[in-house]
PDB file of all heavy atoms in Angstrom:
ATOM      1  N   ALA A   1      15.090  60.340  31.341  1.00  0.00           N
ATOM      2  CA  ALA A   1      16.018  59.936  32.397  1.00  0.00           C
ATOM      3  C   ALA A   1      16.550  58.541  32.136  1.00  0.00           C
ATOM      4  O   ALA A   1      15.871  57.720  31.505  1.00  0.00           O
ATOM      5  CB  ALA A   1      15.325  59.967  33.764  1.00  0.00           C
ATOM      6  N   THR A   2      17.751  58.281  32.612  1.00  0.00           N
ATOM      7  CA  THR A   2      18.313  56.938  32.580  1.00  0.00           C
ATOM      8  C   THR A   2      18.980  56.631  33.917  1.00  0.00           C
ATOM      9  O   THR A   2      19.340  57.544  34.663  1.00  0.00           O
ATOM     10  CB  THR A   2      19.354  56.748  31.465  1.00  0.00           C
ATOM     11  OG1 THR A   2      20.379  57.748  31.592  1.00  0.00           O
ATOM     12  CG2 THR A   2      18.726  56.846  30.085  1.00  0.00           C
ATOM     13  N   ILE A   3      19.158  55.353  34.181  1.00  0.00           N
ATOM     14  CA  ILE A   3      19.785  54.896  35.420  1.00  0.00           C
ATOM     15  C   ILE A   3      20.638  53.677  35.113  1.00  0.00           C
ATOM     16  O   ILE A   3      20.263  52.835  34.290  1.00  0.00           O
ATOM     17  CB  ILE A   3      18.698  54.588  36.481  1.00  0.00           C
ATOM     18  CG1 ILE A   3      19.312  54.326  37.847  1.00  0.00           C
ATOM     19  CG2 ILE A   3      17.806  53.439  36.041  1.00  0.00           C
ATOM     20  CD1 ILE A   3      18.272  54.313  38.973  1.00  0.00           C
ATOM     21  N   ASN A   4      21.797  53.600  35.766  1.00  0.00           N
ATOM     22  CA  ASN A   4      22.656  52.458  35.490  1.00  0.00           C
ATOM     23  C   ASN A   4      22.180  51.235  36.270  1.00  0.00           C
ATOM     24  O   ASN A   4      21.219  51.294  37.038  1.00  0.00           O
ATOM     25  CB  ASN A   4      24.116  52.790  35.803  1.00  0.00           C
ATOM     26  CG  ASN A   4      24.425  52.719  37.293  1.00  0.00           C
ATOM     27  OD1 ASN A   4      23.585  53.070  38.122  1.00  0.00           O
ATOM     28  ND2 ASN A   4      25.621  52.268  37.614  1.00  0.00           N
ATOM     29  N   TRP A   5      22.846  50.090  36.081  1.00  0.00           N
ATOM     30  CA  TRP A   5      22.342  48.835  36.616  1.00  0.00           C
ATOM     31  C   TRP A   5      22.242  48.834  38.136  1.00  0.00           C
ATOM     32  O   TRP A   5      21.329  48.224  38.696  1.00  0.00           O
ATOM     33  CB  TRP A   5      23.236  47.674  36.155  1.00  0.00           C
ATOM     34  CG  TRP A   5      24.604  47.676  36.771  1.00  0.00           C
ATOM     35  CD1 TRP A   5      25.719  48.316  36.320  1.00  0.00           C
ATOM     36  CD2 TRP A   5      24.992  47.006  37.974  1.00  0.00           C
ATOM     37  NE1 TRP A   5      26.766  48.103  37.164  1.00  0.00           N
ATOM     38  CE2 TRP A   5      26.360  47.295  38.191  1.00  0.00           C
ATOM     39  CE3 TRP A   5      24.327  46.193  38.887  1.00  0.00           C
ATOM     40  CZ2 TRP A   5      27.055  46.792  39.274  1.00  0.00           C
ATOM     41  CZ3 TRP A   5      25.029  45.689  39.974  1.00  0.00           C
ATOM     42  CH2 TRP A   5      26.379  45.998  40.156  1.00  0.00           C
ATOM     43  N   SER A   6      23.148  49.535  38.808  1.00  0.00           N
ATOM     44  CA  SER A   6      23.146  49.510  40.261  1.00  0.00           C
ATOM     45  C   SER A   6      22.269  50.606  40.869  1.00  0.00           C
ATOM     46  O   SER A   6      21.994  50.587  42.068  1.00  0.00           O
ATOM     47  CB  SER A   6      24.563  49.678  40.794  1.00  0.00           C
ATOM     48  OG  SER A   6      25.039  50.991  40.537  1.00  0.00           O
ATOM     49  N   GLY A   7      21.872  51.554  40.055  1.00  0.00           N
ATOM     50  CA  GLY A   7      21.125  52.695  40.572  1.00  0.00           C
ATOM     51  C   GLY A   7      22.015  53.812  41.080  1.00  0.00           C
ATOM     52  O   GLY A   7      21.527  54.830  41.555  1.00  0.00           O
ATOM     53  N   GLY A   8      23.315  53.629  40.967  1.00  0.00           N
ATOM     54  CA  GLY A   8      24.246  54.619  41.491  1.00  0.00           C
ATOM     55  C   GLY A   8      24.503  55.786  40.570  1.00  0.00           C
ATOM     56  O   GLY A   8      25.050  56.815  40.995  1.00  0.00           O
ATOM     57  N   ILE A   9      24.132  55.648  39.311  1.00  0.00           N
ATOM     58  CA  ILE A   9      24.338  56.720  38.333  1.00  0.00           C
ATOM     59  C   ILE A   9      23.026  56.982  37.613  1.00  0.00           C
ATOM     60  O   ILE A   9      22.364  56.047  37.172  1.00  0.00           O
ATOM     61  CB  ILE A   9      25.411  56.343  37.289  1.00  0.00           C
ATOM     62  CG1 ILE A   9      26.741  56.008  37.966  1.00  0.00           C
ATOM     63  CG2 ILE A   9      25.604  57.485  36.296  1.00  0.00           C
ATOM     64  CD1 ILE A   9      27.783  55.454  37.006  1.00  0.00           C
ATOM     65  N   SER A  10      22.668  58.251  37.502  1.00  0.00           N
ATOM     66  CA  SER A  10      21.450  58.610  36.780  1.00  0.00           C
ATOM     67  C   SER A  10      21.695  59.905  36.000  1.00  0.00           C
ATOM     68  O   SER A  10      22.621  60.669  36.293  1.00  0.00           O
ATOM     69  CB  SER A  10      20.259  58.765  37.720  1.00  0.00           C
ATOM     70  OG  SER A  10      20.519  59.747  38.699  1.00  0.00           O
ATOM     71  N   ASP A  11      20.853  60.102  35.031  1.00  0.00           N
ATOM     72  CA  ASP A  11      20.969  61.279  34.161  1.00  0.00           C
ATOM     73  C   ASP A  11      19.567  61.744  33.832  1.00  0.00           C
ATOM     74  O   ASP A  11      18.669  60.914  33.642  1.00  0.00           O
ATOM     75  CB  ASP A  11      21.740  60.903  32.891  1.00  0.00           C
ATOM     76  CG  ASP A  11      21.989  62.089  31.985  1.00  0.00           C
ATOM     77  OD1 ASP A  11      22.245  63.192  32.495  1.00  0.00           O
ATOM     78  OD2 ASP A  11      21.919  61.910  30.747  1.00  0.00           O
ATOM     79  N   TYR A  12      19.374  63.057  33.758  1.00  0.00           N
ATOM     80  CA  TYR A  12      18.050  63.612  33.515  1.00  0.00           C
ATOM     81  C   TYR A  12      18.088  64.661  32.412  1.00  0.00           C
ATOM     82  O   TYR A  12      19.066  65.403  32.263  1.00  0.00           O
ATOM     83  CB  TYR A  12      17.510  64.274  34.785  1.00  0.00           C
ATOM     84  CG  TYR A  12      17.258  63.307  35.919  1.00  0.00           C
ATOM     85  CD1 TYR A  12      18.254  63.003  36.837  1.00  0.00           C
ATOM     86  CD2 TYR A  12      16.017  62.696  36.059  1.00  0.00           C
ATOM     87  CE1 TYR A  12      18.028  62.108  37.875  1.00  0.00           C
ATOM     88  CE2 TYR A  12      15.778  61.800  37.097  1.00  0.00           C
ATOM     89  CZ  TYR A  12      16.790  61.507  37.998  1.00  0.00           C
ATOM     90  OH  TYR A  12      16.551  60.624  39.020  1.00  0.00           O
ATOM     91  N   GLY A  13      16.986  64.722  31.694  1.00  0.00           N
ATOM     92  CA  GLY A  13      16.835  65.789  30.733  1.00  0.00           C
ATOM     93  C   GLY A  13      16.670  67.125  31.447  1.00  0.00           C
ATOM     94  O   GLY A  13      16.127  67.169  32.559  1.00  0.00           O
ATOM     95  N   ASP A  14      17.083  68.186  30.811  1.00  0.00           N
ATOM     96  CA  ASP A  14      17.044  69.499  31.447  1.00  0.00           C
ATOM     97  C   ASP A  14      15.623  69.908  31.841  1.00  0.00           C
ATOM     98  O   ASP A  14      15.420  70.579  32.857  1.00  0.00           O
ATOM     99  CB  ASP A  14      17.637  70.554  30.513  1.00  0.00           C
ATOM    100  CG  ASP A  14      19.145  70.392  30.336  1.00  0.00           C
ATOM    101  OD1 ASP A  14      19.780  69.724  31.183  1.00  0.00           O
ATOM    102  OD2 ASP A  14      19.670  70.930  29.337  1.00  0.00           O
ATOM    103  N   SER A  15      14.656  69.511  31.044  1.00  0.00           N
ATOM    104  CA  SER A  15      13.282  69.947  31.299  1.00  0.00           C
ATOM    105  C   SER A  15      12.650  69.259  32.514  1.00  0.00           C
ATOM    106  O   SER A  15      11.621  69.719  33.005  1.00  0.00           O
ATOM    107  CB  SER A  15      12.421  69.705  30.062  1.00  0.00           C
ATOM    108  OG  SER A  15      12.392  68.330  29.742  1.00  0.00           O
ATOM    109  N   VAL A  16      13.235  68.175  32.987  1.00  0.00           N
ATOM    110  CA  VAL A  16      12.634  67.442  34.120  1.00  0.00           C
ATOM    111  C   VAL A  16      13.540  67.413  35.344  1.00  0.00           C
ATOM    112  O   VAL A  16      13.127  66.965  36.412  1.00  0.00           O
ATOM    113  CB  VAL A  16      12.275  65.996  33.723  1.00  0.00           C
ATOM    114  CG1 VAL A  16      11.408  65.978  32.482  1.00  0.00           C
ATOM    115  CG2 VAL A  16      13.525  65.147  33.527  1.00  0.00           C
ATOM    116  N   LYS A  17      14.763  67.892  35.197  1.00  0.00           N
ATOM    117  CA  LYS A  17      15.730  67.848  36.289  1.00  0.00           C
ATOM    118  C   LYS A  17      15.190  68.591  37.511  1.00  0.00           C
ATOM    119  O   LYS A  17      14.678  69.702  37.408  1.00  0.00           O
ATOM    120  CB  LYS A  17      17.042  68.465  35.833  1.00  0.00           C
ATOM    121  CG  LYS A  17      18.247  68.091  36.671  1.00  0.00           C
ATOM    122  CD  LYS A  17      19.521  68.586  36.017  1.00  0.00           C
ATOM    123  CE  LYS A  17      19.783  67.921  34.695  1.00  0.00           C
ATOM    124  NZ  LYS A  17      21.068  68.335  34.080  1.00  0.00           N
ATOM    125  N   GLY A  18      15.277  67.944  38.662  1.00  0.00           N
ATOM    126  CA  GLY A  18      14.782  68.542  39.895  1.00  0.00           C
ATOM    127  C   GLY A  18      13.327  68.246  40.185  1.00  0.00           C
ATOM    128  O   GLY A  18      12.860  68.474  41.303  1.00  0.00           O
ATOM    129  N   ARG A  19      12.600  67.743  39.193  1.00  0.00           N
ATOM    130  CA  ARG A  19      11.175  67.418  39.389  1.00  0.00           C
ATOM    131  C   ARG A  19      10.908  65.923  39.287  1.00  0.00           C
ATOM    132  O   ARG A  19      10.008  65.407  39.960  1.00  0.00           O
ATOM    133  CB  ARG A  19      10.323  68.145  38.334  1.00  0.00           C
ATOM    134  CG  ARG A  19      10.437  69.648  38.383  1.00  0.00           C
ATOM    135  CD  ARG A  19       9.433  70.311  37.437  1.00  0.00           C
ATOM    136  NE  ARG A  19       9.674  69.951  36.038  1.00  0.00           N
ATOM    137  CZ  ARG A  19       8.781  69.357  35.255  1.00  0.00           C
ATOM    138  NH1 ARG A  19       7.580  69.042  35.733  1.00  0.00           N
ATOM    139  NH2 ARG A  19       9.071  69.090  33.996  1.00  0.00           N
ATOM    140  N   PHE A  20      11.657  65.234  38.455  1.00  0.00           N
ATOM    141  CA  PHE A  20      11.468  63.799  38.251  1.00  0.00           C
ATOM    142  C   PHE A  20      12.616  63.037  38.900  1.00  0.00           C
ATOM    143  O   PHE A  20      13.741  63.537  39.011  1.00  0.00           O
ATOM    144  CB  PHE A  20      11.455  63.463  36.759  1.00  0.00           C
ATOM    145  CG  PHE A  20      10.250  63.953  36.004  1.00  0.00           C
ATOM    146  CD1 PHE A  20       9.341  64.852  36.555  1.00  0.00           C
ATOM    147  CD2 PHE A  20      10.030  63.523  34.700  1.00  0.00           C
ATOM    148  CE1 PHE A  20       8.247  65.300  35.848  1.00  0.00           C
ATOM    149  CE2 PHE A  20       8.941  63.956  33.976  1.00  0.00           C
ATOM    150  CZ  PHE A  20       8.043  64.854  34.551  1.00  0.00           C
ATOM    151  N   ARG A  21      12.309  61.793  39.316  1.00  0.00           N
ATOM    152  CA  ARG A  21      13.346  60.938  39.885  1.00  0.00           C
ATOM    153  C   ARG A  21      13.172  59.522  39.368  1.00  0.00           C
ATOM    154  O   ARG A  21      12.089  58.941  39.473  1.00  0.00           O
ATOM    155  CB  ARG A  21      13.305  60.934  41.401  1.00  0.00           C
ATOM    156  CG  ARG A  21      14.502  60.216  42.035  1.00  0.00           C
ATOM    157  CD  ARG A  21      14.490  60.383  43.551  1.00  0.00           C
ATOM    158  NE  ARG A  21      13.459  59.555  44.158  1.00  0.00           N
ATOM    159  CZ  ARG A  21      13.616  58.296  44.531  1.00  0.00           C
ATOM    160  NH1 ARG A  21      14.777  57.698  44.333  1.00  0.00           N
ATOM    161  NH2 ARG A  21      12.634  57.635  45.096  1.00  0.00           N
ATOM    162  N   ILE A  22      14.249  58.962  38.832  1.00  0.00           N
ATOM    163  CA  ILE A  22      14.224  57.597  38.319  1.00  0.00           C
ATOM    164  C   ILE A  22      14.802  56.668  39.374  1.00  0.00           C
ATOM    165  O   ILE A  22      15.739  57.024  40.095  1.00  0.00           O
ATOM    166  CB  ILE A  22      15.010  57.490  36.987  1.00  0.00           C
ATOM    167  CG1 ILE A  22      14.802  56.114  36.344  1.00  0.00           C
ATOM    168  CG2 ILE A  22      16.492  57.808  37.176  1.00  0.00           C
ATOM    169  CD1 ILE A  22      15.360  56.036  34.922  1.00  0.00           C
ATOM    170  N   SER A  23      14.228  55.488  39.472  1.00  0.00           N
ATOM    171  CA  SER A  23      14.726  54.481  40.403  1.00  0.00           C
ATOM    172  C   SER A  23      14.462  53.101  39.809  1.00  0.00           C
ATOM    173  O   SER A  23      13.763  52.982  38.794  1.00  0.00           O
ATOM    174  CB  SER A  23      14.049  54.616  41.772  1.00  0.00           C
ATOM    175  OG  SER A  23      12.659  54.414  41.668  1.00  0.00           O
ATOM    176  N   ARG A  24      15.021  52.076  40.442  1.00  0.00           N
ATOM    177  CA  ARG A  24      14.833  50.726  39.909  1.00  0.00           C
ATOM    178  C   ARG A  24      14.822  49.721  41.051  1.00  0.00           C
ATOM    179  O   ARG A  24      15.331  49.973  42.148  1.00  0.00           O
ATOM    180  CB  ARG A  24      15.924  50.383  38.911  1.00  0.00           C
ATOM    181  CG  ARG A  24      17.318  50.342  39.477  1.00  0.00           C
ATOM    182  CD  ARG A  24      18.336  50.173  38.335  1.00  0.00           C
ATOM    183  NE  ARG A  24      18.182  48.877  37.679  1.00  0.00           N
ATOM    184  CZ  ARG A  24      18.645  48.613  36.451  1.00  0.00           C
ATOM    185  NH1 ARG A  24      19.275  49.565  35.755  1.00  0.00           N
ATOM    186  NH2 ARG A  24      18.480  47.412  35.922  1.00  0.00           N
ATOM    187  N   ASP A  25      14.250  48.571  40.761  1.00  0.00           N
ATOM    188  CA  ASP A  25      14.240  47.455  41.697  1.00  0.00           C
ATOM    189  C   ASP A  25      14.653  46.226  40.893  1.00  0.00           C
ATOM    190  O   ASP A  25      13.837  45.666  40.136  1.00  0.00           O
ATOM    191  CB  ASP A  25      12.842  47.274  42.293  1.00  0.00           C
ATOM    192  CG  ASP A  25      12.807  46.201  43.370  1.00  0.00           C
ATOM    193  OD1 ASP A  25      13.673  45.306  43.377  1.00  0.00           O
ATOM    194  OD2 ASP A  25      11.885  46.256  44.202  1.00  0.00           O
ATOM    195  N   ASN A  26      15.896  45.827  41.024  1.00  0.00           N
ATOM    196  CA  ASN A  26      16.411  44.723  40.206  1.00  0.00           C
ATOM    197  C   ASN A  26      15.733  43.395  40.559  1.00  0.00           C
ATOM    198  O   ASN A  26      15.599  42.519  39.700  1.00  0.00           O
ATOM    199  CB  ASN A  26      17.919  44.613  40.370  1.00  0.00           C
ATOM    200  CG  ASN A  26      18.649  45.744  39.676  1.00  0.00           C
ATOM    201  OD1 ASN A  26      18.128  46.382  38.765  1.00  0.00           O
ATOM    202  ND2 ASN A  26      19.866  46.028  40.118  1.00  0.00           N
ATOM    203  N   ALA A  27      15.318  43.248  41.785  1.00  0.00           N
ATOM    204  CA  ALA A  27      14.631  42.014  42.175  1.00  0.00           C
ATOM    205  C   ALA A  27      13.302  41.867  41.439  1.00  0.00           C
ATOM    206  O   ALA A  27      12.817  40.746  41.230  1.00  0.00           O
ATOM    207  CB  ALA A  27      14.403  41.997  43.676  1.00  0.00           C
ATOM    208  N   LYS A  28      12.729  43.002  41.053  1.00  0.00           N
ATOM    209  CA  LYS A  28      11.441  42.984  40.340  1.00  0.00           C
ATOM    210  C   LYS A  28      11.617  43.268  38.846  1.00  0.00           C
ATOM    211  O   LYS A  28      10.620  43.397  38.139  1.00  0.00           O
ATOM    212  CB  LYS A  28      10.494  44.014  40.951  1.00  0.00           C
ATOM    213  CG  LYS A  28      10.121  43.708  42.395  1.00  0.00           C
ATOM    214  CD  LYS A  28       9.140  44.740  42.943  1.00  0.00           C
ATOM    215  CE  LYS A  28       8.752  44.391  44.387  1.00  0.00           C
ATOM    216  NZ  LYS A  28       7.794  45.394  44.950  1.00  0.00           N
ATOM    217  N   ASN A  29      12.881  43.398  38.413  1.00  0.00           N
ATOM    218  CA  ASN A  29      13.134  43.657  36.990  1.00  0.00           C
ATOM    219  C   ASN A  29      12.358  44.891  36.522  1.00  0.00           C
ATOM    220  O   ASN A  29      11.784  44.907  35.431  1.00  0.00           O
ATOM    221  CB  ASN A  29      12.742  42.446  36.138  1.00  0.00           C
ATOM    222  CG  ASN A  29      13.772  42.116  35.071  1.00  0.00           C
ATOM    223  OD1 ASN A  29      14.939  42.504  35.156  1.00  0.00           O
ATOM    224  ND2 ASN A  29      13.330  41.401  34.045  1.00  0.00           N
ATOM    225  N   SER A  30      12.373  45.917  37.368  1.00  0.00           N
ATOM    226  CA  SER A  30      11.510  47.078  37.147  1.00  0.00           C
ATOM    227  C   SER A  30      12.266  48.394  37.269  1.00  0.00           C
ATOM    228  O   SER A  30      13.291  48.484  37.958  1.00  0.00           O
ATOM    229  CB  SER A  30      10.366  47.086  38.161  1.00  0.00           C
ATOM    230  OG  SER A  30       9.527  45.959  37.994  1.00  0.00           O
ATOM    231  N   VAL A  31      11.716  49.396  36.595  1.00  0.00           N
ATOM    232  CA  VAL A  31      12.215  50.759  36.698  1.00  0.00           C
ATOM    233  C   VAL A  31      11.022  51.673  36.914  1.00  0.00           C
ATOM    234  O   VAL A  31       9.911  51.382  36.447  1.00  0.00           O
ATOM    235  CB  VAL A  31      13.019  51.165  35.439  1.00  0.00           C
ATOM    236  CG1 VAL A  31      12.152  51.163  34.193  1.00  0.00           C
ATOM    237  CG2 VAL A  31      13.713  52.508  35.641  1.00  0.00           C
ATOM    238  N   TYR A  32      11.247  52.766  37.647  1.00  0.00           N
ATOM    239  CA  TYR A  32      10.165  53.667  38.024  1.00  0.00           C
ATOM    240  C   TYR A  32      10.534  55.108  37.685  1.00  0.00           C
ATOM    241  O   TYR A  32      11.715  55.454  37.590  1.00  0.00           O
ATOM    242  CB  TYR A  32       9.870  53.563  39.513  1.00  0.00           C
ATOM    243  CG  TYR A  32       9.672  52.146  39.987  1.00  0.00           C
ATOM    244  CD1 TYR A  32      10.723  51.430  40.563  1.00  0.00           C
ATOM    245  CD2 TYR A  32       8.442  51.506  39.828  1.00  0.00           C
ATOM    246  CE1 TYR A  32      10.559  50.119  40.973  1.00  0.00           C
ATOM    247  CE2 TYR A  32       8.270  50.197  40.236  1.00  0.00           C
ATOM    248  CZ  TYR A  32       9.331  49.506  40.806  1.00  0.00           C
ATOM    249  OH  TYR A  32       9.162  48.207  41.206  1.00  0.00           O
ATOM    250  N   LEU A  33       9.508  55.934  37.536  1.00  0.00           N
ATOM    251  CA  LEU A  33       9.724  57.359  37.323  1.00  0.00           C
ATOM    252  C   LEU A  33       8.741  58.123  38.212  1.00  0.00           C
ATOM    253  O   LEU A  33       7.531  58.097  37.950  1.00  0.00           O
ATOM    254  CB  LEU A  33       9.532  57.745  35.859  1.00  0.00           C
ATOM    255  CG  LEU A  33       9.884  59.190  35.520  1.00  0.00           C
ATOM    256  CD1 LEU A  33      11.392  59.412  35.658  1.00  0.00           C
ATOM    257  CD2 LEU A  33       9.418  59.552  34.112  1.00  0.00           C
ATOM    258  N   GLN A  34       9.260  58.743  39.237  1.00  0.00           N
ATOM    259  CA  GLN A  34       8.447  59.594  40.096  1.00  0.00           C
ATOM    260  C   GLN A  34       8.435  60.989  39.504  1.00  0.00           C
ATOM    261  O   GLN A  34       9.494  61.605  39.347  1.00  0.00           O
ATOM    262  CB  GLN A  34       9.013  59.629  41.518  1.00  0.00           C
ATOM    263  CG  GLN A  34       8.266  60.534  42.473  1.00  0.00           C
ATOM    264  CD  GLN A  34       6.852  60.051  42.749  1.00  0.00           C
ATOM    265  OE1 GLN A  34       6.624  58.869  42.969  1.00  0.00           O
ATOM    266  NE2 GLN A  34       5.889  60.965  42.736  1.00  0.00           N
ATOM    267  N   MET A  35       7.252  61.480  39.181  1.00  0.00           N
ATOM    268  CA  MET A  35       7.111  62.775  38.530  1.00  0.00           C
ATOM    269  C   MET A  35       6.370  63.722  39.463  1.00  0.00           C
ATOM    270  O   MET A  35       5.213  63.473  39.809  1.00  0.00           O
ATOM    271  CB  MET A  35       6.366  62.618  37.213  1.00  0.00           C
ATOM    272  CG  MET A  35       6.978  61.590  36.276  1.00  0.00           C
ATOM    273  SD  MET A  35       6.178  61.537  34.667  1.00  0.00           S
ATOM    274  CE  MET A  35       4.559  60.966  35.129  1.00  0.00           C
ATOM    275  N   ASN A  36       7.031  64.773  39.870  1.00  0.00           N
ATOM    276  CA  ASN A  36       6.444  65.767  40.762  1.00  0.00           C
ATOM    277  C   ASN A  36       6.350  67.119  40.063  1.00  0.00           C
ATOM    278  O   ASN A  36       7.002  67.348  39.038  1.00  0.00           O
ATOM    279  CB  ASN A  36       7.288  65.893  42.026  1.00  0.00           C
ATOM    280  CG  ASN A  36       7.388  64.606  42.801  1.00  0.00           C
ATOM    281  OD1 ASN A  36       6.429  63.830  42.866  1.00  0.00           O
ATOM    282  ND2 ASN A  36       8.551  64.365  43.409  1.00  0.00           N
ATOM    283  N   SER A  37       5.551  67.998  40.628  1.00  0.00           N
ATOM    284  CA  SER A  37       5.389  69.357  40.078  1.00  0.00           C
ATOM    285  C   SER A  37       5.133  69.310  38.584  1.00  0.00           C
ATOM    286  O   SER A  37       5.758  70.031  37.797  1.00  0.00           O
ATOM    287  CB  SER A  37       6.643  70.189  40.372  1.00  0.00           C
ATOM    288  OG  SER A  37       6.903  70.248  41.754  1.00  0.00           O
TER     289      SER A  37
END
């Protein structure tokens, strides 16, 4: 998965689409990956 600087655009691989979610916190200079199922 990837996410743009604002978090407004994201892209996912086919194998994880619908199960994983990418997010970011620019104040913490961090990116996250929530993985479900």
